[in-house]
């Protein structure tokens, strides 16, 4: 059964935001958009999005405002800074933050926005990368009230193959950190495995084929290992973002007194990668640390 399409806003037209907006437009949604850095909105404007000068004007025009920006500070500035969402917040509206941010600050901002404007907040970070965003196959993990999550679910179901309500505000961000522990440490493991295979003199290109169906057979092995093999480091994400997320995991883990030895090792590798000038390269560029001199 069709549901009345809400008017959508979208803040942050980057590697993830652009394909999400294009998908929503292709499904018949009206989308109002804003990006902090000018010059990134031409594709979505050509596809039918209405471009605004600030986040507040997007929020005035939209029933549900989606956001996917760089980091926690960018979220706070987009919501509470000059021309931010809070200037146009209302009890009938919900903000969905799809960025990856610090869970405690996400909870604080959700409470602050609700207290000041009555506007709801769902933290809904995603996993799957730009191809999944374009195809509506993202994994989306959500934190928020039952009512707010139910309100935005029809839209989220069009962007993700799963939209899982994990608890109150901040629970989505905590779940994303679990995701990052698994994904980001595996980038380092895949790099190490490929380096070992090449140095051992076996046909490294056939490793995914040889391991197919076994316990080592994973989507990451099938997708990212071949990119490392080709030295294809063009960004579908950024090494600097991986380091940011791993540092965030370690900060939360310190508060929880949770041991994170593998995460610590992966963070060290990405710190080296960023120091070597790979910050704007894809996460798979960590493999270059294992290359023979």
C-alpha atoms as a PDB file:
ATOM      1  CA  UNK A   1       0.000   0.000   0.000  1.00  0.00           C
ATOM      2  CA  UNK A   2       1.389   3.405  -0.973  1.00  0.00           C
ATOM      3  CA  UNK A   3       1.967   5.970   1.738  1.00  0.00           C
ATOM      4  CA  UNK A   4       1.861   9.774   1.376  1.00  0.00           C
ATOM      5  CA  UNK A   5       5.396  10.837   0.527  1.00  0.00           C
ATOM      6  CA  UNK A   6       6.753  13.380   3.024  1.00  0.00           C
ATOM      7  CA  UNK A   7       8.759  16.311   1.734  1.00  0.00           C
ATOM      8  CA  UNK A   8      12.408  15.535   2.451  1.00  0.00           C
ATOM      9  CA  UNK A   9      15.420  17.635   3.265  1.00  0.00           C
ATOM     10  CA  UNK A  10      19.009  16.465   2.905  1.00  0.00           C
ATOM     11  CA  UNK A  11      22.128  18.047   4.398  1.00  0.00           C
ATOM     12  CA  UNK A  12      25.539  16.909   3.158  1.00  0.00           C
ATOM     13  CA  UNK A  13      26.018  16.059  -0.513  1.00  0.00           C
ATOM     14  CA  UNK A  14      29.169  13.949  -0.468  1.00  0.00           C
ATOM     15  CA  UNK A  15      30.188  10.422  -1.372  1.00  0.00           C
ATOM     16  CA  UNK A  16      27.183   9.000   0.494  1.00  0.00           C
ATOM     17  CA  UNK A  17      24.733  11.885   0.407  1.00  0.00           C
ATOM     18  CA  UNK A  18      24.680  12.290  -3.364  1.00  0.00           C
ATOM     19  CA  UNK A  19      23.653   8.700  -4.210  1.00  0.00           C
ATOM     20  CA  UNK A  20      21.049   8.718  -1.444  1.00  0.00           C
ATOM     21  CA  UNK A  21      19.480  11.908  -2.757  1.00  0.00           C
ATOM     22  CA  UNK A  22      19.514  10.627  -6.339  1.00  0.00           C
ATOM     23  CA  UNK A  23      17.758   7.445  -5.208  1.00  0.00           C
ATOM     24  CA  UNK A  24      15.098   9.357  -3.294  1.00  0.00           C
ATOM     25  CA  UNK A  25      14.471  11.608  -6.289  1.00  0.00           C
ATOM     26  CA  UNK A  26      14.178   8.572  -8.564  1.00  0.00           C
ATOM     27  CA  UNK A  27      11.462   7.205  -6.260  1.00  0.00           C
ATOM     28  CA  UNK A  28       9.383  10.359  -6.616  1.00  0.00           C
ATOM     29  CA  UNK A  29      10.312  12.257  -3.462  1.00  0.00           C
ATOM     30  CA  UNK A  30      10.605  16.006  -3.371  1.00  0.00           C
ATOM     31  CA  UNK A  31      14.031  16.760  -1.907  1.00  0.00           C
ATOM     32  CA  UNK A  32      15.366  20.077  -0.614  1.00  0.00           C
ATOM     33  CA  UNK A  33      19.143  20.059  -0.107  1.00  0.00           C
ATOM     34  CA  UNK A  34      22.080  22.010   1.263  1.00  0.00           C
ATOM     35  CA  UNK A  35      25.802  21.335   1.332  1.00  0.00           C
ATOM     36  CA  UNK A  36      28.352  23.214   3.438  1.00  0.00           C
ATOM     37  CA  UNK A  37      30.860  23.359   0.591  1.00  0.00           C
ATOM     38  CA  UNK A  38      29.461  24.953  -2.561  1.00  0.00           C
ATOM     39  CA  UNK A  39      29.786  23.250  -5.922  1.00  0.00           C
ATOM     40  CA  UNK A  40      28.802  19.698  -4.915  1.00  0.00           C
ATOM     41  CA  UNK A  41      25.107  19.867  -5.720  1.00  0.00           C
ATOM     42  CA  UNK A  42      25.013  20.064  -9.527  1.00  0.00           C
ATOM     43  CA  UNK A  43      24.088  16.385 -10.114  1.00  0.00           C
ATOM     44  CA  UNK A  44      21.210  16.346  -7.651  1.00  0.00           C
ATOM     45  CA  UNK A  45      19.976  19.732  -8.880  1.00  0.00           C
ATOM     46  CA  UNK A  46      19.884  18.409 -12.436  1.00  0.00           C
ATOM     47  CA  UNK A  47      17.907  15.413 -11.129  1.00  0.00           C
ATOM     48  CA  UNK A  48      15.281  17.666  -9.536  1.00  0.00           C
ATOM     49  CA  UNK A  49      16.461  18.610  -6.047  1.00  0.00           C
ATOM     50  CA  UNK A  50      15.847  22.147  -4.795  1.00  0.00           C
ATOM     51  CA  UNK A  51      19.082  23.684  -3.492  1.00  0.00           C
ATOM     52  CA  UNK A  52      19.007  26.034  -0.500  1.00  0.00           C
ATOM     53  CA  UNK A  53      21.415  28.552   0.971  1.00  0.00           C
ATOM     54  CA  UNK A  54      21.417  27.094   4.481  1.00  0.00           C
ATOM     55  CA  UNK A  55      20.178  24.206   6.611  1.00  0.00           C
ATOM     56  CA  UNK A  56      17.413  26.263   8.216  1.00  0.00           C
ATOM     57  CA  UNK A  57      15.660  26.894   4.906  1.00  0.00           C
ATOM     58  CA  UNK A  58      15.853  23.187   4.121  1.00  0.00           C
ATOM     59  CA  UNK A  59      14.241  22.384   7.476  1.00  0.00           C
ATOM     60  CA  UNK A  60      11.457  24.916   6.872  1.00  0.00           C
ATOM     61  CA  UNK A  61      10.585  23.237   3.572  1.00  0.00           C
ATOM     62  CA  UNK A  62      10.832  19.604   4.747  1.00  0.00           C
ATOM     63  CA  UNK A  63       8.844  17.225   6.930  1.00  0.00           C
ATOM     64  CA  UNK A  64      11.829  14.932   7.501  1.00  0.00           C
ATOM     65  CA  UNK A  65      15.412  16.220   7.326  1.00  0.00           C
ATOM     66  CA  UNK A  66      18.146  13.678   6.561  1.00  0.00           C
ATOM     67  CA  UNK A  67      21.762  14.525   7.256  1.00  0.00           C
ATOM     68  CA  UNK A  68      25.072  12.868   6.339  1.00  0.00           C
ATOM     69  CA  UNK A  69      28.004  15.138   7.164  1.00  0.00           C
ATOM     70  CA  UNK A  70      31.671  14.807   8.053  1.00  0.00           C
ATOM     71  CA  UNK A  71      31.784  14.422  11.828  1.00  0.00           C
ATOM     72  CA  UNK A  72      30.199  15.334  15.164  1.00  0.00           C
ATOM     73  CA  UNK A  73      31.253  18.983  15.008  1.00  0.00           C
ATOM     74  CA  UNK A  74      29.757  19.294  11.521  1.00  0.00           C
ATOM     75  CA  UNK A  75      26.477  17.839  12.819  1.00  0.00           C
ATOM     76  CA  UNK A  76      26.363  20.309  15.688  1.00  0.00           C
ATOM     77  CA  UNK A  77      27.128  23.243  13.405  1.00  0.00           C
ATOM     78  CA  UNK A  78      24.499  22.157  10.862  1.00  0.00           C
ATOM     79  CA  UNK A  79      21.844  21.878  13.555  1.00  0.00           C
ATOM     80  CA  UNK A  80      22.671  24.565  16.103  1.00  0.00           C
ATOM     81  CA  UNK A  81      24.985  26.947  14.264  1.00  0.00           C
ATOM     82  CA  UNK A  82      23.926  30.084  12.366  1.00  0.00           C
ATOM     83  CA  UNK A  83      21.344  29.135   9.759  1.00  0.00           C
ATOM     84  CA  UNK A  84      21.030  25.691  11.330  1.00  0.00           C
ATOM     85  CA  UNK A  85      18.126  23.266  11.494  1.00  0.00           C
ATOM     86  CA  UNK A  86      17.138  24.381  14.997  1.00  0.00           C
ATOM     87  CA  UNK A  87      16.060  27.768  13.632  1.00  0.00           C
ATOM     88  CA  UNK A  88      13.223  26.019  11.774  1.00  0.00           C
ATOM     89  CA  UNK A  89      12.561  23.069  14.080  1.00  0.00           C
ATOM     90  CA  UNK A  90       8.969  22.146  14.939  1.00  0.00           C
ATOM     91  CA  UNK A  91       7.208  19.256  16.748  1.00  0.00           C
ATOM     92  CA  UNK A  92       5.863  17.938  13.438  1.00  0.00           C
ATOM     93  CA  UNK A  93       9.374  17.435  12.013  1.00  0.00           C
ATOM     94  CA  UNK A  94      12.062  14.779  12.552  1.00  0.00           C
ATOM     95  CA  UNK A  95      15.797  15.015  11.925  1.00  0.00           C
ATOM     96  CA  UNK A  96      17.554  11.798  10.853  1.00  0.00           C
ATOM     97  CA  UNK A  97      21.319  11.973  11.366  1.00  0.00           C
ATOM     98  CA  UNK A  98      23.000   9.403   9.126  1.00  0.00           C
ATOM     99  CA  UNK A  99      26.509  10.626   9.945  1.00  0.00           C
ATOM    100  CA  UNK A 100      28.857   8.631  12.164  1.00  0.00           C
ATOM    101  CA  UNK A 101      29.233  10.636  15.363  1.00  0.00           C
ATOM    102  CA  UNK A 102      30.129  10.422  19.037  1.00  0.00           C
ATOM    103  CA  UNK A 103      27.219   8.636  20.783  1.00  0.00           C
ATOM    104  CA  UNK A 104      27.144  10.812  23.905  1.00  0.00           C
ATOM    105  CA  UNK A 105      27.097  14.032  21.903  1.00  0.00           C
ATOM    106  CA  UNK A 106      24.437  12.593  19.601  1.00  0.00           C
ATOM    107  CA  UNK A 107      22.200  11.950  22.617  1.00  0.00           C
ATOM    108  CA  UNK A 108      22.867  15.441  23.977  1.00  0.00           C
ATOM    109  CA  UNK A 109      22.011  17.087  20.663  1.00  0.00           C
ATOM    110  CA  UNK A 110      18.823  15.028  20.325  1.00  0.00           C
ATOM    111  CA  UNK A 111      17.641  16.155  23.748  1.00  0.00           C
ATOM    112  CA  UNK A 112      18.658  19.747  23.063  1.00  0.00           C
ATOM    113  CA  UNK A 113      16.793  19.892  19.754  1.00  0.00           C
ATOM    114  CA  UNK A 114      13.660  18.345  21.249  1.00  0.00           C
ATOM    115  CA  UNK A 115      13.729  20.638  24.272  1.00  0.00           C
ATOM    116  CA  UNK A 116      14.253  23.760  22.181  1.00  0.00           C
ATOM    117  CA  UNK A 117      11.939  23.085  19.238  1.00  0.00           C
ATOM    118  CA  UNK A 118       9.960  19.891  19.818  1.00  0.00           C
ATOM    119  CA  UNK A 119      11.624  18.384  16.740  1.00  0.00           C
ATOM    120  CA  UNK A 120      12.392  14.651  16.894  1.00  0.00           C
ATOM    121  CA  UNK A 121      15.797  13.088  16.306  1.00  0.00           C
ATOM    122  CA  UNK A 122      16.831   9.659  15.020  1.00  0.00           C
ATOM    123  CA  UNK A 123      20.496   8.758  14.855  1.00  0.00           C
ATOM    124  CA  UNK A 124      20.728   6.396  11.884  1.00  0.00           C
ATOM    125  CA  UNK A 125      24.314   5.772  10.741  1.00  0.00           C
ATOM    126  CA  UNK A 126      24.774   3.510   7.744  1.00  0.00           C
ATOM    127  CA  UNK A 127      27.082   0.851   6.365  1.00  0.00           C
ATOM    128  CA  UNK A 128      27.529  -0.346   2.795  1.00  0.00           C
ATOM    129  CA  UNK A 129      29.239   2.476   0.924  1.00  0.00           C
ATOM    130  CA  UNK A 130      28.146   4.511  -2.115  1.00  0.00           C
ATOM    131  CA  UNK A 131      27.058   1.537  -4.290  1.00  0.00           C
ATOM    132  CA  UNK A 132      24.675   0.335  -1.575  1.00  0.00           C
ATOM    133  CA  UNK A 133      23.420   3.891  -1.082  1.00  0.00           C
ATOM    134  CA  UNK A 134      22.590   4.176  -4.783  1.00  0.00           C
ATOM    135  CA  UNK A 135      20.794   0.826  -4.822  1.00  0.00           C
ATOM    136  CA  UNK A 136      18.906   1.208  -1.530  1.00  0.00           C
ATOM    137  CA  UNK A 137      20.802  -1.666   0.082  1.00  0.00           C
ATOM    138  CA  UNK A 138      22.362   0.096   3.062  1.00  0.00           C
ATOM    139  CA  UNK A 139      22.433  -1.395   6.531  1.00  0.00           C
ATOM    140  CA  UNK A 140      20.919   1.293   8.749  1.00  0.00           C
ATOM    141  CA  UNK A 141      21.087   1.135  12.544  1.00  0.00           C
ATOM    142  CA  UNK A 142      18.779   3.470  14.441  1.00  0.00           C
ATOM    143  CA  UNK A 143      18.491   5.107  17.832  1.00  0.00           C
ATOM    144  CA  UNK A 144      15.493   7.181  18.918  1.00  0.00           C
ATOM    145  CA  UNK A 145      12.021   7.036  20.361  1.00  0.00           C
ATOM    146  CA  UNK A 146       9.569   4.444  19.069  1.00  0.00           C
ATOM    147  CA  UNK A 147       7.407   7.192  17.591  1.00  0.00           C
ATOM    148  CA  UNK A 148      10.239   8.967  15.745  1.00  0.00           C
ATOM    149  CA  UNK A 149      11.675   5.738  14.349  1.00  0.00           C
ATOM    150  CA  UNK A 150       8.232   4.608  13.152  1.00  0.00           C
ATOM    151  CA  UNK A 151       7.669   8.019  11.554  1.00  0.00           C
ATOM    152  CA  UNK A 152      10.804   7.826   9.398  1.00  0.00           C
ATOM    153  CA  UNK A 153      10.796   4.079   8.697  1.00  0.00           C
ATOM    154  CA  UNK A 154       9.006   4.271   5.291  1.00  0.00           C
ATOM    155  CA  UNK A 155      11.756   6.566   3.989  1.00  0.00           C
ATOM    156  CA  UNK A 156      14.558   4.566   5.582  1.00  0.00           C
ATOM    157  CA  UNK A 157      13.181   1.360   4.078  1.00  0.00           C
ATOM    158  CA  UNK A 158      13.734   2.906   0.647  1.00  0.00           C
ATOM    159  CA  UNK A 159      17.390   3.567   1.424  1.00  0.00           C
ATOM    160  CA  UNK A 160      18.307   0.374   3.241  1.00  0.00           C
ATOM    161  CA  UNK A 161      17.898  -3.364   3.026  1.00  0.00           C
ATOM    162  CA  UNK A 162      17.669  -3.249   6.823  1.00  0.00           C
ATOM    163  CA  UNK A 163      16.587  -0.542   9.252  1.00  0.00           C
ATOM    164  CA  UNK A 164      17.032  -1.829  12.792  1.00  0.00           C
ATOM    165  CA  UNK A 165      15.844   0.076  15.865  1.00  0.00           C
ATOM    166  CA  UNK A 166      18.556  -0.553  18.475  1.00  0.00           C
ATOM    167  CA  UNK A 167      17.261   1.575  21.356  1.00  0.00           C
ATOM    168  CA  UNK A 168      17.050   5.188  22.482  1.00  0.00           C
ATOM    169  CA  UNK A 169      18.981   8.187  21.181  1.00  0.00           C
ATOM    170  CA  UNK A 170      22.630   7.279  20.638  1.00  0.00           C
ATOM    171  CA  UNK A 171      22.028   3.532  20.251  1.00  0.00           C
ATOM    172  CA  UNK A 172      22.399   3.738  16.490  1.00  0.00           C
ATOM    173  CA  UNK A 173      25.780   5.417  16.859  1.00  0.00           C
ATOM    174  CA  UNK A 174      26.969   2.803  19.359  1.00  0.00           C
ATOM    175  CA  UNK A 175      25.930   0.065  16.942  1.00  0.00           C
ATOM    176  CA  UNK A 176      27.833   1.797  14.130  1.00  0.00           C
ATOM    177  CA  UNK A 177      30.955   1.710  16.291  1.00  0.00           C
ATOM    178  CA  UNK A 178      30.515  -2.061  16.611  1.00  0.00           C
ATOM    179  CA  UNK A 179      30.296  -2.145  12.807  1.00  0.00           C
ATOM    180  CA  UNK A 180      33.482  -0.114  12.527  1.00  0.00           C
ATOM    181  CA  UNK A 181      35.380  -2.430  14.867  1.00  0.00           C
ATOM    182  CA  UNK A 182      34.549  -5.318  12.540  1.00  0.00           C
ATOM    183  CA  UNK A 183      34.991  -3.514   9.217  1.00  0.00           C
ATOM    184  CA  UNK A 184      38.024  -1.345   9.911  1.00  0.00           C
ATOM    185  CA  UNK A 185      40.092  -4.039  11.595  1.00  0.00           C
ATOM    186  CA  UNK A 186      39.274  -6.308   8.641  1.00  0.00           C
ATOM    187  CA  UNK A 187      40.753  -3.790   6.205  1.00  0.00           C
ATOM    188  CA  UNK A 188      44.039  -4.232   8.052  1.00  0.00           C
ATOM    189  CA  UNK A 189      43.657  -8.038   8.145  1.00  0.00           C
ATOM    190  CA  UNK A 190      42.961  -8.223   4.409  1.00  0.00           C
ATOM    191  CA  UNK A 191      46.020  -6.069   3.695  1.00  0.00           C
ATOM    192  CA  UNK A 192      48.156  -8.340   5.835  1.00  0.00           C
ATOM    193  CA  UNK A 193      46.757 -11.476   4.181  1.00  0.00           C
ATOM    194  CA  UNK A 194      47.380 -10.163   0.658  1.00  0.00           C
ATOM    195  CA  UNK A 195      50.925  -9.141   1.553  1.00  0.00           C
ATOM    196  CA  UNK A 196      51.565 -12.630   2.936  1.00  0.00           C
ATOM    197  CA  UNK A 197      50.111 -14.299  -0.169  1.00  0.00           C
ATOM    198  CA  UNK A 198      52.203 -12.218  -2.569  1.00  0.00           C
ATOM    199  CA  UNK A 199      55.424 -12.746  -0.625  1.00  0.00           C
ATOM    200  CA  UNK A 200      54.717 -16.489  -0.405  1.00  0.00           C
ATOM    201  CA  UNK A 201      54.623 -16.682  -4.189  1.00  0.00           C
ATOM    202  CA  UNK A 202      51.152 -18.165  -4.599  1.00  0.00           C
ATOM    203  CA  UNK A 203      48.575 -16.812  -7.065  1.00  0.00           C
ATOM    204  CA  UNK A 204      47.186 -14.073  -4.811  1.00  0.00           C
ATOM    205  CA  UNK A 205      44.422 -13.259  -7.293  1.00  0.00           C
ATOM    206  CA  UNK A 206      42.868 -16.691  -6.797  1.00  0.00           C
ATOM    207  CA  UNK A 207      42.653 -16.468  -2.999  1.00  0.00           C
ATOM    208  CA  UNK A 208      38.962 -15.400  -2.928  1.00  0.00           C
ATOM    209  CA  UNK A 209      38.146 -18.283  -5.278  1.00  0.00           C
ATOM    210  CA  UNK A 210      40.089 -20.737  -3.140  1.00  0.00           C
ATOM    211  CA  UNK A 211      38.384 -19.594   0.062  1.00  0.00           C
ATOM    212  CA  UNK A 212      34.847 -19.370  -1.373  1.00  0.00           C
ATOM    213  CA  UNK A 213      32.338 -21.145   0.837  1.00  0.00           C
ATOM    214  CA  UNK A 214      34.735 -21.408   3.778  1.00  0.00           C
ATOM    215  CA  UNK A 215      34.721 -19.413   6.978  1.00  0.00           C
ATOM    216  CA  UNK A 216      37.032 -16.770   5.456  1.00  0.00           C
ATOM    217  CA  UNK A 217      34.582 -16.095   2.609  1.00  0.00           C
ATOM    218  CA  UNK A 218      33.021 -12.699   3.328  1.00  0.00           C
ATOM    219  CA  UNK A 219      31.726  -9.728   1.318  1.00  0.00           C
ATOM    220  CA  UNK A 220      34.845  -7.815   2.406  1.00  0.00           C
ATOM    221  CA  UNK A 221      37.127 -10.525   0.992  1.00  0.00           C
ATOM    222  CA  UNK A 222      35.176 -10.582  -2.264  1.00  0.00           C
ATOM    223  CA  UNK A 223      34.997  -6.797  -2.672  1.00  0.00           C
ATOM    224  CA  UNK A 224      38.000  -5.165  -0.981  1.00  0.00           C
ATOM    225  CA  UNK A 225      40.735  -7.782  -1.399  1.00  0.00           C
ATOM    226  CA  UNK A 226      40.604  -7.494  -5.238  1.00  0.00           C
ATOM    227  CA  UNK A 227      40.831  -3.697  -4.946  1.00  0.00           C
ATOM    228  CA  UNK A 228      43.965  -4.041  -2.825  1.00  0.00           C
ATOM    229  CA  UNK A 229      45.341  -6.533  -5.367  1.00  0.00           C
ATOM    230  CA  UNK A 230      44.785  -3.973  -8.172  1.00  0.00           C
ATOM    231  CA  UNK A 231      46.153  -1.135  -6.003  1.00  0.00           C
ATOM    232  CA  UNK A 232      42.847   0.623  -6.644  1.00  0.00           C
ATOM    233  CA  UNK A 233      42.834   3.272  -3.919  1.00  0.00           C
ATOM    234  CA  UNK A 234      40.336   5.705  -5.505  1.00  0.00           C
ATOM    235  CA  UNK A 235      38.086   6.857  -2.648  1.00  0.00           C
ATOM    236  CA  UNK A 236      34.679   5.333  -2.060  1.00  0.00           C
ATOM    237  CA  UNK A 237      35.390   6.406   1.516  1.00  0.00           C
ATOM    238  CA  UNK A 238      38.437   7.981   3.104  1.00  0.00           C
ATOM    239  CA  UNK A 239      41.315   6.659   5.210  1.00  0.00           C
ATOM    240  CA  UNK A 240      40.984   9.740   7.431  1.00  0.00           C
ATOM    241  CA  UNK A 241      37.386   8.785   8.190  1.00  0.00           C
ATOM    242  CA  UNK A 242      38.445   5.285   9.206  1.00  0.00           C
ATOM    243  CA  UNK A 243      41.002   6.757  11.602  1.00  0.00           C
ATOM    244  CA  UNK A 244      38.384   9.148  12.990  1.00  0.00           C
ATOM    245  CA  UNK A 245      35.994   6.267  13.639  1.00  0.00           C
ATOM    246  CA  UNK A 246      38.633   4.011  15.204  1.00  0.00           C
ATOM    247  CA  UNK A 247      39.732   6.820  17.511  1.00  0.00           C
ATOM    248  CA  UNK A 248      36.081   7.306  18.469  1.00  0.00           C
ATOM    249  CA  UNK A 249      35.732   3.592  19.238  1.00  0.00           C
ATOM    250  CA  UNK A 250      38.782   3.735  21.497  1.00  0.00           C
ATOM    251  CA  UNK A 251      37.462   6.797  23.313  1.00  0.00           C
ATOM    252  CA  UNK A 252      34.140   5.092  24.086  1.00  0.00           C
ATOM    253  CA  UNK A 253      35.913   1.835  24.960  1.00  0.00           C
ATOM    254  CA  UNK A 254      38.062   3.671  27.504  1.00  0.00           C
ATOM    255  CA  UNK A 255      34.927   4.889  29.282  1.00  0.00           C
ATOM    256  CA  UNK A 256      33.479   1.359  29.205  1.00  0.00           C
ATOM    257  CA  UNK A 257      36.785  -0.221  30.287  1.00  0.00           C
ATOM    258  CA  UNK A 258      36.439  -2.513  27.251  1.00  0.00           C
ATOM    259  CA  UNK A 259      39.696  -4.050  25.947  1.00  0.00           C
ATOM    260  CA  UNK A 260      40.230  -3.259  22.246  1.00  0.00           C
ATOM    261  CA  UNK A 261      43.665  -4.607  21.232  1.00  0.00           C
ATOM    262  CA  UNK A 262      42.800  -5.288  17.584  1.00  0.00           C
ATOM    263  CA  UNK A 263      41.143  -1.888  17.173  1.00  0.00           C
ATOM    264  CA  UNK A 264      44.211  -0.251  18.681  1.00  0.00           C
ATOM    265  CA  UNK A 265      46.490  -1.974  16.160  1.00  0.00           C
ATOM    266  CA  UNK A 266      44.253  -1.002  13.235  1.00  0.00           C
ATOM    267  CA  UNK A 267      44.141   2.617  14.445  1.00  0.00           C
ATOM    268  CA  UNK A 268      47.950   2.688  14.570  1.00  0.00           C
ATOM    269  CA  UNK A 269      48.151   1.462  10.975  1.00  0.00           C
ATOM    270  CA  UNK A 270      45.692   4.100   9.781  1.00  0.00           C
ATOM    271  CA  UNK A 271      47.578   6.784  11.705  1.00  0.00           C
ATOM    272  CA  UNK A 272      50.693   5.763   9.754  1.00  0.00           C
ATOM    273  CA  UNK A 273      48.681   5.784   6.512  1.00  0.00           C
ATOM    274  CA  UNK A 274      47.354   9.281   7.113  1.00  0.00           C
ATOM    275  CA  UNK A 275      50.849  10.485   8.082  1.00  0.00           C
ATOM    276  CA  UNK A 276      52.124   9.095   4.751  1.00  0.00           C
ATOM    277  CA  UNK A 277      49.671  11.279   2.832  1.00  0.00           C
ATOM    278  CA  UNK A 278      46.888   8.752   2.276  1.00  0.00           C
ATOM    279  CA  UNK A 279      44.172  10.638   4.159  1.00  0.00           C
ATOM    280  CA  UNK A 280      42.108  11.289   1.016  1.00  0.00           C
ATOM    281  CA  UNK A 281      42.608   7.789  -0.388  1.00  0.00           C
ATOM    282  CA  UNK A 282      40.222   4.879   0.136  1.00  0.00           C
ATOM    283  CA  UNK A 283      40.397   2.761   3.278  1.00  0.00           C
ATOM    284  CA  UNK A 284      41.992  -0.060   1.230  1.00  0.00           C
ATOM    285  CA  UNK A 285      45.062   2.150   0.775  1.00  0.00           C
ATOM    286  CA  UNK A 286      46.255   0.810   4.140  1.00  0.00           C
ATOM    287  CA  UNK A 287      47.670  -2.035   2.027  1.00  0.00           C
ATOM    288  CA  UNK A 288      50.412   0.316   0.815  1.00  0.00           C
ATOM    289  CA  UNK A 289      51.988   0.069   4.291  1.00  0.00           C
ATOM    290  CA  UNK A 290      52.653  -3.615   3.579  1.00  0.00           C
ATOM    291  CA  UNK A 291      54.222  -3.123   0.145  1.00  0.00           C
ATOM    292  CA  UNK A 292      57.851  -4.094  -0.384  1.00  0.00           C
ATOM    293  CA  UNK A 293      60.103  -1.080  -0.521  1.00  0.00           C
END
